[in-house]
Protein backbone atom coordinates (compact mmCIF):
# COMPACT_ATOMS: atom_id res chain seq x y z
CA UNK A 1 134.57 96.25 73.92
CA UNK A 2 135.00 94.87 77.41
CA UNK A 3 138.15 95.56 79.40
CA UNK A 4 139.60 92.69 81.41
CA UNK A 5 138.12 92.59 84.86
CA UNK A 6 140.30 92.20 87.97
CA UNK A 7 140.99 88.54 88.64
CA UNK A 8 140.91 86.71 91.94
CA UNK A 9 143.74 84.33 92.62
CA UNK A 10 143.35 80.68 91.81
CA UNK A 11 143.41 78.64 88.61
CA UNK A 12 139.66 78.86 87.98
CA UNK A 13 139.64 82.66 87.97
CA UNK A 14 142.69 83.42 85.82
CA UNK A 15 140.97 84.01 82.48
CA UNK A 16 137.63 85.62 83.38
CA UNK A 17 134.94 85.87 80.71
CA UNK A 18 137.00 87.46 77.94
CA UNK A 19 140.34 89.06 77.21
CA UNK A 20 141.55 91.95 75.08
CA UNK A 21 144.90 91.85 73.29
CA UNK A 22 146.75 94.69 71.60
CA UNK A 23 148.57 93.25 68.60
CA UNK A 24 151.00 95.10 66.35
CA UNK A 25 151.73 93.63 62.93
CA UNK A 26 154.75 95.17 61.20
CA UNK A 27 154.69 93.82 57.66
CA UNK A 28 156.70 94.13 54.50
CA UNK A 29 153.59 94.53 52.34
CA UNK A 30 149.87 93.74 52.20
CA UNK A 31 150.45 90.07 51.38
CA UNK A 32 152.63 89.59 54.45
CA UNK A 33 150.09 91.50 56.55
CA UNK A 34 147.35 89.16 55.37
CA UNK A 35 149.43 86.14 56.41
CA UNK A 36 149.94 87.62 59.88
CA UNK A 37 146.22 88.38 60.26
CA UNK A 38 145.46 84.78 59.29
CA UNK A 39 147.75 83.56 62.06
CA UNK A 40 145.95 85.86 64.52
CA UNK A 41 142.53 84.67 63.34
CA UNK A 42 143.60 81.06 63.84
CA UNK A 43 145.17 81.73 67.24
CA UNK A 44 142.29 83.56 68.94
CA UNK A 45 139.73 80.71 68.85
CA UNK A 46 142.30 78.40 70.47
CA UNK A 47 142.43 80.49 73.63
CA UNK A 48 140.46 79.18 76.62
CA UNK A 49 138.17 82.25 76.66
CA UNK A 50 136.71 84.66 74.14
CA UNK A 51 139.38 87.05 72.95
CA UNK A 52 139.13 90.40 71.25
CA UNK A 53 142.16 91.71 69.44
CA UNK A 54 142.88 95.30 68.61
CA UNK A 55 145.26 94.80 65.70
CA UNK A 56 147.29 97.60 64.18
CA UNK A 57 148.98 96.72 60.89
CA UNK A 58 151.84 98.87 59.63
CA UNK A 59 153.82 98.31 56.47
CA UNK A 60 157.57 98.83 56.75
CA UNK A 61 157.80 102.02 54.62
CA UNK A 62 155.33 103.94 56.79
CA UNK A 63 156.35 102.33 60.08
CA UNK A 64 158.22 105.22 61.71
CA UNK A 65 155.52 107.81 61.02
CA UNK A 66 152.65 105.57 62.12
CA UNK A 67 154.40 104.49 65.32
CA UNK A 68 155.02 108.11 66.20
CA UNK A 69 151.32 108.86 65.75
CA UNK A 70 150.03 105.80 67.66
CA UNK A 71 152.32 105.38 70.64
CA UNK A 72 149.51 105.49 73.19
CA UNK A 73 148.81 101.76 72.87
CA UNK A 74 151.56 99.37 73.97
CA UNK A 75 151.31 96.07 72.08
CA UNK A 76 150.94 92.82 74.00
CA UNK A 77 152.06 90.85 70.94
CA UNK A 78 154.30 92.03 68.09
CA UNK A 79 154.27 90.10 64.82
CA UNK A 80 156.86 90.74 62.12
CA UNK A 81 155.64 89.54 58.72
CA UNK A 82 158.08 89.51 55.83
CA UNK A 83 158.98 87.73 52.63
CA UNK A 84 162.48 87.08 53.99
CA UNK A 85 164.53 88.37 51.07
CA UNK A 86 165.19 91.89 52.41
CA UNK A 87 166.53 92.86 55.82
CA UNK A 88 164.32 94.66 58.32
CA UNK A 89 164.42 98.44 57.87
CA UNK A 90 166.63 100.23 60.39
CA UNK A 91 163.68 102.28 61.72
CA UNK A 92 161.84 99.05 62.55
CA UNK A 93 164.92 97.52 64.20
CA UNK A 94 165.36 100.68 66.30
CA UNK A 95 161.70 100.61 67.35
CA UNK A 96 161.89 96.90 68.21
CA UNK A 97 164.99 97.49 70.35
CA UNK A 98 163.30 100.41 72.13
CA UNK A 99 160.00 98.53 72.62
CA UNK A 100 161.76 95.41 73.89
CA UNK A 101 163.83 97.40 76.38
CA UNK A 102 160.70 99.27 77.52
CA UNK A 103 158.64 96.19 78.34
CA UNK A 104 160.92 95.22 81.23
CA UNK A 105 158.76 93.60 83.87
CA UNK A 106 155.70 93.35 81.59
CA UNK A 107 154.58 90.18 79.89
CA UNK A 108 154.64 90.50 76.13
CA UNK A 109 155.23 88.18 73.21
CA UNK A 110 156.52 88.35 69.68
CA UNK A 111 156.81 86.17 66.61
CA UNK A 112 157.60 86.33 62.92
CA UNK A 113 155.83 85.04 59.82
CA UNK A 114 158.18 84.45 56.90
CA UNK A 115 157.22 83.22 53.43
CA UNK A 116 157.80 79.47 53.29
CA UNK A 117 159.74 79.61 50.03
CA UNK A 118 162.25 82.07 51.55
CA UNK A 119 162.67 80.64 55.07
CA UNK A 120 166.11 79.23 54.21
CA UNK A 121 167.27 82.46 52.52
CA UNK A 122 170.29 83.90 54.40
CA UNK A 123 168.42 87.17 55.05
CA UNK A 124 165.43 85.30 56.51
CA UNK A 125 167.69 83.16 58.69
CA UNK A 126 169.48 86.26 60.01
CA UNK A 127 166.14 88.02 60.60
CA UNK A 128 164.77 85.10 62.63
CA UNK A 129 168.01 84.83 64.61
CA UNK A 130 167.94 88.54 65.38
CA UNK A 131 164.26 88.54 66.45
CA UNK A 132 164.60 85.44 68.63
CA UNK A 133 167.76 86.84 70.26
CA UNK A 134 165.99 90.16 70.87
CA UNK A 135 163.10 88.36 72.54
CA UNK A 136 165.42 86.18 74.64
CA UNK A 137 167.65 89.10 75.67
CA UNK A 138 164.64 91.12 76.88
CA UNK A 139 162.66 88.24 78.46
CA UNK A 140 159.89 88.50 75.87
CA UNK A 141 158.09 85.27 75.06
CA UNK A 142 158.73 84.00 71.55
CA UNK A 143 155.71 82.39 69.90
CA UNK A 144 156.59 79.81 67.27
CA UNK A 145 154.44 80.56 64.26
CA UNK A 146 154.79 76.97 63.10
CA UNK A 147 153.87 76.37 59.50
CA UNK A 148 153.04 79.16 57.05
CA UNK A 149 149.73 80.89 57.61
CA UNK A 150 147.96 79.53 54.56
CA UNK A 151 148.85 75.87 54.99
CA UNK A 152 145.77 73.89 56.09
CA UNK A 153 146.62 70.71 57.96
CA UNK A 154 145.43 68.98 61.09
CA UNK A 155 149.04 68.88 62.30
CA UNK A 156 149.22 72.70 62.06
CA UNK A 157 146.02 73.07 64.09
CA UNK A 158 147.43 70.70 66.72
CA UNK A 159 150.62 72.75 66.81
CA UNK A 160 148.66 75.96 67.34
CA UNK A 161 146.55 74.31 70.04
CA UNK A 162 149.70 73.15 71.80
CA UNK A 163 151.21 76.63 71.44
CA UNK A 164 148.07 78.22 72.93
CA UNK A 165 148.44 76.01 76.00
CA UNK A 166 152.16 76.69 76.19
CA UNK A 167 151.79 80.48 76.09
CA UNK A 168 148.82 80.66 78.41
CA UNK A 169 151.05 81.98 81.21
CA UNK A 170 152.05 84.87 78.93
CA UNK A 171 148.46 85.67 78.09
CA UNK A 172 147.49 85.29 81.74
CA UNK A 173 149.98 88.01 82.67
CA UNK A 174 148.71 90.23 79.85
CA UNK A 175 145.18 89.77 81.11
CA UNK A 176 146.14 90.57 84.68
CA UNK A 177 147.43 93.99 83.63
CA UNK A 178 144.87 96.25 85.33
CA UNK A 179 144.93 99.01 82.73
CA UNK A 180 146.24 99.48 79.21
CA UNK A 181 149.95 100.07 79.08
CA UNK A 182 151.27 103.17 77.41
CA UNK A 183 154.42 103.69 75.44
CA UNK A 184 155.66 106.54 77.63
């Protein structure tokens, strides 16, 4: 696995040969985790250079214990994947608040993947409002997930392509980080 190399200034040298992203998926269950991993798999090829992702997937029930054990790797992107019928566990909300406050000055992004059939559910609406407000309040880029992960359409691919171009400044800042960030 190749670490990002230092970049010279100028638009032609921003991306280098490849990038490495640390992605944390906090999911309600294995089905939601699979949807989030599908979004990641579809996003990576749209980037302007080869991208390797170190993805850690944690289900909500075990989230607090696993985060405590794996705090050495600060995520560049956090994805919350849920059905949208149950609120986020308090331990996850506390971690998100702490993580978001701790990334001050760093470029990070977050998004959420909610089951299509529950997107209008009051709990899902509140969850999305909370996560978007958290991102906005802490100057974290919000990535629109667009359509559900398993929907195959040309329009969805165009949306992802457009999103990849839109968030390239975020990924550029992540790439320019000279060494892996730590949680400390």
